[in-house]
């Protein structure tokens, strides 16, 4: 994983994460990498040549098979936690200090990605063609927003979500 300068003009360090990355998020001066197995979170900092923290998430469910070009694993940082979609219907709220799963909210639809901002956590489900607004403590779904007007094999399949500049 390459660490870029603030001006994005040059690579200041390259750190081997030790996992096959499937998703990444920035958290202040560090980067968190979610391994492709969905069970390992690795923290990288620009001034170190090795990961500074490795968190193992519990393997309480079997990961589903996914499309080789798309992943249902995602990670975001915000609201005092790391948020992980692990290939299931659960959204995990993880303590970045010790890897404890603070909450596991089942939204009853397979999740493909997660983002944090605008006072909430946002999770997306391609299969349900919906965005879920989650309270920042990970306790409940505040709203479900359907984003595709038709379901089925010819419908769009959203797989990513982002928050910024006042928009989701």
C-alpha atoms as a PDB file:
ATOM      1  CA  UNK A   1       0.000   0.000   0.000  1.00  0.00           C
ATOM      2  CA  UNK A   2       1.456   3.360  -1.000  1.00  0.00           C
ATOM      3  CA  UNK A   3       1.286   6.346   1.344  1.00  0.00           C
ATOM      4  CA  UNK A   4       1.057   9.631  -0.600  1.00  0.00           C
ATOM      5  CA  UNK A   5       2.228  13.074   0.426  1.00  0.00           C
ATOM      6  CA  UNK A   6      -0.346  15.646   1.534  1.00  0.00           C
ATOM      7  CA  UNK A   7      -0.075  17.366  -1.832  1.00  0.00           C
ATOM      8  CA  UNK A   8      -0.511  14.001  -3.605  1.00  0.00           C
ATOM      9  CA  UNK A   9       2.611  14.769  -5.577  1.00  0.00           C
ATOM     10  CA  UNK A  10       4.732  11.841  -4.492  1.00  0.00           C
ATOM     11  CA  UNK A  11       4.788   8.519  -2.698  1.00  0.00           C
ATOM     12  CA  UNK A  12       6.405   9.002   0.711  1.00  0.00           C
ATOM     13  CA  UNK A  13       6.387   5.367   1.809  1.00  0.00           C
ATOM     14  CA  UNK A  14       5.253   1.925   0.698  1.00  0.00           C
ATOM     15  CA  UNK A  15       4.057  -0.417   3.436  1.00  0.00           C
ATOM     16  CA  UNK A  16       3.172  -4.073   2.963  1.00  0.00           C
ATOM     17  CA  UNK A  17      -0.189  -4.533   4.658  1.00  0.00           C
ATOM     18  CA  UNK A  18       0.293  -8.281   5.041  1.00  0.00           C
ATOM     19  CA  UNK A  19      -3.215  -8.957   3.734  1.00  0.00           C
ATOM     20  CA  UNK A  20      -4.784  -8.968   0.299  1.00  0.00           C
ATOM     21  CA  UNK A  21      -6.680  -5.646   0.463  1.00  0.00           C
ATOM     22  CA  UNK A  22     -10.365  -5.482  -0.391  1.00  0.00           C
ATOM     23  CA  UNK A  23     -11.233  -2.047   1.028  1.00  0.00           C
ATOM     24  CA  UNK A  24      -9.494   0.927   2.640  1.00  0.00           C
ATOM     25  CA  UNK A  25     -10.404   4.022   4.629  1.00  0.00           C
ATOM     26  CA  UNK A  26      -8.450   7.005   5.921  1.00  0.00           C
ATOM     27  CA  UNK A  27      -8.569   7.894   9.611  1.00  0.00           C
ATOM     28  CA  UNK A  28      -6.587  11.034  10.396  1.00  0.00           C
ATOM     29  CA  UNK A  29      -2.961  10.290   9.571  1.00  0.00           C
ATOM     30  CA  UNK A  30      -3.454   6.563   9.125  1.00  0.00           C
ATOM     31  CA  UNK A  31      -5.071   4.180   6.669  1.00  0.00           C
ATOM     32  CA  UNK A  32      -7.073   1.090   7.597  1.00  0.00           C
ATOM     33  CA  UNK A  33      -7.027  -1.853   5.194  1.00  0.00           C
ATOM     34  CA  UNK A  34      -9.687  -4.570   5.296  1.00  0.00           C
ATOM     35  CA  UNK A  35      -8.307  -7.914   4.175  1.00  0.00           C
ATOM     36  CA  UNK A  36     -10.041  -9.858   1.424  1.00  0.00           C
ATOM     37  CA  UNK A  37     -11.075 -12.479   3.962  1.00  0.00           C
ATOM     38  CA  UNK A  38     -13.193  -9.821   5.718  1.00  0.00           C
ATOM     39  CA  UNK A  39     -11.703 -10.824   9.060  1.00  0.00           C
ATOM     40  CA  UNK A  40      -8.549  -8.696   9.364  1.00  0.00           C
ATOM     41  CA  UNK A  41      -8.203  -4.924   9.731  1.00  0.00           C
ATOM     42  CA  UNK A  42      -4.683  -3.510   9.413  1.00  0.00           C
ATOM     43  CA  UNK A  43      -3.643   0.038  10.370  1.00  0.00           C
ATOM     44  CA  UNK A  44      -0.885   1.686   8.338  1.00  0.00           C
ATOM     45  CA  UNK A  45       0.845   4.932   9.292  1.00  0.00           C
ATOM     46  CA  UNK A  46       3.110   6.926   6.972  1.00  0.00           C
ATOM     47  CA  UNK A  47       6.110   7.004   9.333  1.00  0.00           C
ATOM     48  CA  UNK A  48       6.316   3.244   9.928  1.00  0.00           C
ATOM     49  CA  UNK A  49       7.546   0.514   7.587  1.00  0.00           C
ATOM     50  CA  UNK A  50       5.136  -2.095   8.938  1.00  0.00           C
ATOM     51  CA  UNK A  51       1.488  -2.152  10.047  1.00  0.00           C
ATOM     52  CA  UNK A  52       1.058  -0.527  13.464  1.00  0.00           C
ATOM     53  CA  UNK A  53      -2.085  -2.416  14.414  1.00  0.00           C
ATOM     54  CA  UNK A  54      -3.690  -5.661  13.283  1.00  0.00           C
ATOM     55  CA  UNK A  55      -7.245  -6.390  14.426  1.00  0.00           C
ATOM     56  CA  UNK A  56      -8.839  -9.809  14.003  1.00  0.00           C
ATOM     57  CA  UNK A  57     -12.614  -9.766  13.664  1.00  0.00           C
ATOM     58  CA  UNK A  58     -14.559 -12.795  14.791  1.00  0.00           C
ATOM     59  CA  UNK A  59     -15.382 -15.333  12.097  1.00  0.00           C
ATOM     60  CA  UNK A  60     -18.945 -15.884  13.238  1.00  0.00           C
ATOM     61  CA  UNK A  61     -20.411 -16.377   9.766  1.00  0.00           C
ATOM     62  CA  UNK A  62     -19.249 -18.018   6.573  1.00  0.00           C
ATOM     63  CA  UNK A  63     -18.380 -15.462   3.900  1.00  0.00           C
ATOM     64  CA  UNK A  64     -20.582 -15.815   0.807  1.00  0.00           C
ATOM     65  CA  UNK A  65     -19.117 -16.316  -2.653  1.00  0.00           C
ATOM     66  CA  UNK A  66     -18.888 -12.995  -4.473  1.00  0.00           C
ATOM     67  CA  UNK A  67     -18.442 -11.864  -8.020  1.00  0.00           C
ATOM     68  CA  UNK A  68     -14.702 -11.837  -8.775  1.00  0.00           C
ATOM     69  CA  UNK A  69     -14.845  -8.225 -10.025  1.00  0.00           C
ATOM     70  CA  UNK A  70     -16.997  -6.876  -7.200  1.00  0.00           C
ATOM     71  CA  UNK A  71     -16.665  -7.213  -3.459  1.00  0.00           C
ATOM     72  CA  UNK A  72     -19.205  -7.027  -0.679  1.00  0.00           C
ATOM     73  CA  UNK A  73     -16.520  -6.122   1.848  1.00  0.00           C
ATOM     74  CA  UNK A  74     -16.182  -2.485   2.897  1.00  0.00           C
ATOM     75  CA  UNK A  75     -14.723  -0.335   5.646  1.00  0.00           C
ATOM     76  CA  UNK A  76     -15.258   3.286   6.704  1.00  0.00           C
ATOM     77  CA  UNK A  77     -14.029   5.375   9.609  1.00  0.00           C
ATOM     78  CA  UNK A  78     -16.089   7.873  11.563  1.00  0.00           C
ATOM     79  CA  UNK A  79     -18.302   8.485  14.582  1.00  0.00           C
ATOM     80  CA  UNK A  80     -15.564   7.048  16.812  1.00  0.00           C
ATOM     81  CA  UNK A  81     -15.470   3.628  15.160  1.00  0.00           C
ATOM     82  CA  UNK A  82     -14.553   1.561  12.144  1.00  0.00           C
ATOM     83  CA  UNK A  83     -17.604   0.345  10.209  1.00  0.00           C
ATOM     84  CA  UNK A  84     -17.335  -2.923   8.294  1.00  0.00           C
ATOM     85  CA  UNK A  85     -19.545  -4.706   5.793  1.00  0.00           C
ATOM     86  CA  UNK A  86     -18.426  -8.316   5.920  1.00  0.00           C
ATOM     87  CA  UNK A  87     -20.310  -9.904   3.023  1.00  0.00           C
ATOM     88  CA  UNK A  88     -23.433 -10.561   5.066  1.00  0.00           C
ATOM     89  CA  UNK A  89     -26.519  -8.592   6.084  1.00  0.00           C
ATOM     90  CA  UNK A  90     -24.647  -7.224   9.112  1.00  0.00           C
ATOM     91  CA  UNK A  91     -23.021  -3.841   9.600  1.00  0.00           C
ATOM     92  CA  UNK A  92     -20.242  -4.127  12.189  1.00  0.00           C
ATOM     93  CA  UNK A  93     -19.219  -1.227  14.442  1.00  0.00           C
ATOM     94  CA  UNK A  94     -15.638  -1.962  15.528  1.00  0.00           C
ATOM     95  CA  UNK A  95     -13.524  -0.327  18.221  1.00  0.00           C
ATOM     96  CA  UNK A  96     -10.331   0.815  16.417  1.00  0.00           C
ATOM     97  CA  UNK A  97      -8.284   0.408  19.608  1.00  0.00           C
ATOM     98  CA  UNK A  98      -8.819  -3.268  20.323  1.00  0.00           C
ATOM     99  CA  UNK A  99     -10.971  -4.739  17.521  1.00  0.00           C
ATOM    100  CA  UNK A 100     -13.979  -5.353  19.743  1.00  0.00           C
ATOM    101  CA  UNK A 101     -17.225  -5.520  17.803  1.00  0.00           C
ATOM    102  CA  UNK A 102     -19.267  -2.853  19.560  1.00  0.00           C
ATOM    103  CA  UNK A 103     -22.437  -3.672  17.635  1.00  0.00           C
ATOM    104  CA  UNK A 104     -23.583  -5.842  14.762  1.00  0.00           C
ATOM    105  CA  UNK A 105     -26.722  -4.464  13.151  1.00  0.00           C
ATOM    106  CA  UNK A 106     -28.628  -6.832  10.870  1.00  0.00           C
ATOM    107  CA  UNK A 107     -30.337  -4.832   8.107  1.00  0.00           C
ATOM    108  CA  UNK A 108     -31.817  -8.029   6.573  1.00  0.00           C
ATOM    109  CA  UNK A 109     -30.286  -7.312   3.152  1.00  0.00           C
ATOM    110  CA  UNK A 110     -26.753  -8.166   1.931  1.00  0.00           C
ATOM    111  CA  UNK A 111     -24.502  -5.114   2.245  1.00  0.00           C
ATOM    112  CA  UNK A 112     -21.900  -4.029  -0.316  1.00  0.00           C
ATOM    113  CA  UNK A 113     -20.383  -0.885   1.156  1.00  0.00           C
ATOM    114  CA  UNK A 114     -20.402   1.692   3.908  1.00  0.00           C
ATOM    115  CA  UNK A 115     -19.621   5.407   4.346  1.00  0.00           C
ATOM    116  CA  UNK A 116     -19.794   7.815   7.291  1.00  0.00           C
ATOM    117  CA  UNK A 117     -20.799  11.467   7.239  1.00  0.00           C
ATOM    118  CA  UNK A 118     -23.634  13.972   7.387  1.00  0.00           C
ATOM    119  CA  UNK A 119     -24.474  12.809  10.923  1.00  0.00           C
ATOM    120  CA  UNK A 120     -25.051   9.168  10.046  1.00  0.00           C
ATOM    121  CA  UNK A 121     -23.581   5.921   8.797  1.00  0.00           C
ATOM    122  CA  UNK A 122     -24.692   4.919   5.301  1.00  0.00           C
ATOM    123  CA  UNK A 123     -24.729   1.343   4.026  1.00  0.00           C
ATOM    124  CA  UNK A 124     -25.619   0.196   0.533  1.00  0.00           C
ATOM    125  CA  UNK A 125     -27.188  -3.041  -0.648  1.00  0.00           C
ATOM    126  CA  UNK A 126     -26.971  -3.827  -4.346  1.00  0.00           C
ATOM    127  CA  UNK A 127     -29.388  -6.742  -4.120  1.00  0.00           C
ATOM    128  CA  UNK A 128     -31.999  -4.608  -2.327  1.00  0.00           C
ATOM    129  CA  UNK A 129     -31.101  -1.562  -4.483  1.00  0.00           C
ATOM    130  CA  UNK A 130     -31.244   0.507  -1.318  1.00  0.00           C
ATOM    131  CA  UNK A 131     -29.241   2.826   0.903  1.00  0.00           C
ATOM    132  CA  UNK A 132     -29.706   2.434   4.646  1.00  0.00           C
ATOM    133  CA  UNK A 133     -29.231   5.397   6.974  1.00  0.00           C
ATOM    134  CA  UNK A 134     -27.919   4.061  10.287  1.00  0.00           C
ATOM    135  CA  UNK A 135     -27.713   5.945  13.566  1.00  0.00           C
ATOM    136  CA  UNK A 136     -24.079   6.778  14.509  1.00  0.00           C
ATOM    137  CA  UNK A 137     -24.133   4.232  17.359  1.00  0.00           C
ATOM    138  CA  UNK A 138     -25.053   1.373  15.026  1.00  0.00           C
ATOM    139  CA  UNK A 139     -28.223   0.488  16.907  1.00  0.00           C
ATOM    140  CA  UNK A 140     -30.949   0.974  14.305  1.00  0.00           C
ATOM    141  CA  UNK A 141     -31.812   1.711  10.701  1.00  0.00           C
ATOM    142  CA  UNK A 142     -33.208   5.235  10.622  1.00  0.00           C
ATOM    143  CA  UNK A 143     -34.392   5.053   7.030  1.00  0.00           C
ATOM    144  CA  UNK A 144     -34.243   2.927   3.905  1.00  0.00           C
ATOM    145  CA  UNK A 145     -33.926   4.760   0.614  1.00  0.00           C
ATOM    146  CA  UNK A 146     -34.728   2.756  -2.510  1.00  0.00           C
ATOM    147  CA  UNK A 147     -32.469   3.963  -5.319  1.00  0.00           C
ATOM    148  CA  UNK A 148     -33.539   1.831  -8.273  1.00  0.00           C
ATOM    149  CA  UNK A 149     -37.076   1.908  -9.604  1.00  0.00           C
ATOM    150  CA  UNK A 150     -37.089  -1.711 -10.756  1.00  0.00           C
ATOM    151  CA  UNK A 151     -35.633  -4.956  -9.460  1.00  0.00           C
ATOM    152  CA  UNK A 152     -34.535  -8.008 -11.407  1.00  0.00           C
ATOM    153  CA  UNK A 153     -31.694  -9.135 -13.641  1.00  0.00           C
ATOM    154  CA  UNK A 154     -31.827  -6.052 -15.872  1.00  0.00           C
ATOM    155  CA  UNK A 155     -31.876  -3.536 -13.019  1.00  0.00           C
ATOM    156  CA  UNK A 156     -28.792  -1.520 -12.012  1.00  0.00           C
ATOM    157  CA  UNK A 157     -26.851  -3.099  -9.129  1.00  0.00           C
ATOM    158  CA  UNK A 158     -25.317  -0.377  -6.899  1.00  0.00           C
ATOM    159  CA  UNK A 159     -22.206  -1.524  -5.041  1.00  0.00           C
ATOM    160  CA  UNK A 160     -20.529   1.563  -3.558  1.00  0.00           C
ATOM    161  CA  UNK A 161     -21.404   4.623  -1.510  1.00  0.00           C
ATOM    162  CA  UNK A 162     -19.568   7.825  -0.600  1.00  0.00           C
ATOM    163  CA  UNK A 163     -20.260  10.908   1.510  1.00  0.00           C
ATOM    164  CA  UNK A 164     -18.887  14.379   0.893  1.00  0.00           C
ATOM    165  CA  UNK A 165     -19.655  18.020   0.164  1.00  0.00           C
ATOM    166  CA  UNK A 166     -23.068  17.713   1.828  1.00  0.00           C
ATOM    167  CA  UNK A 167     -24.209  14.777  -0.290  1.00  0.00           C
ATOM    168  CA  UNK A 168     -24.485  11.005  -0.012  1.00  0.00           C
END
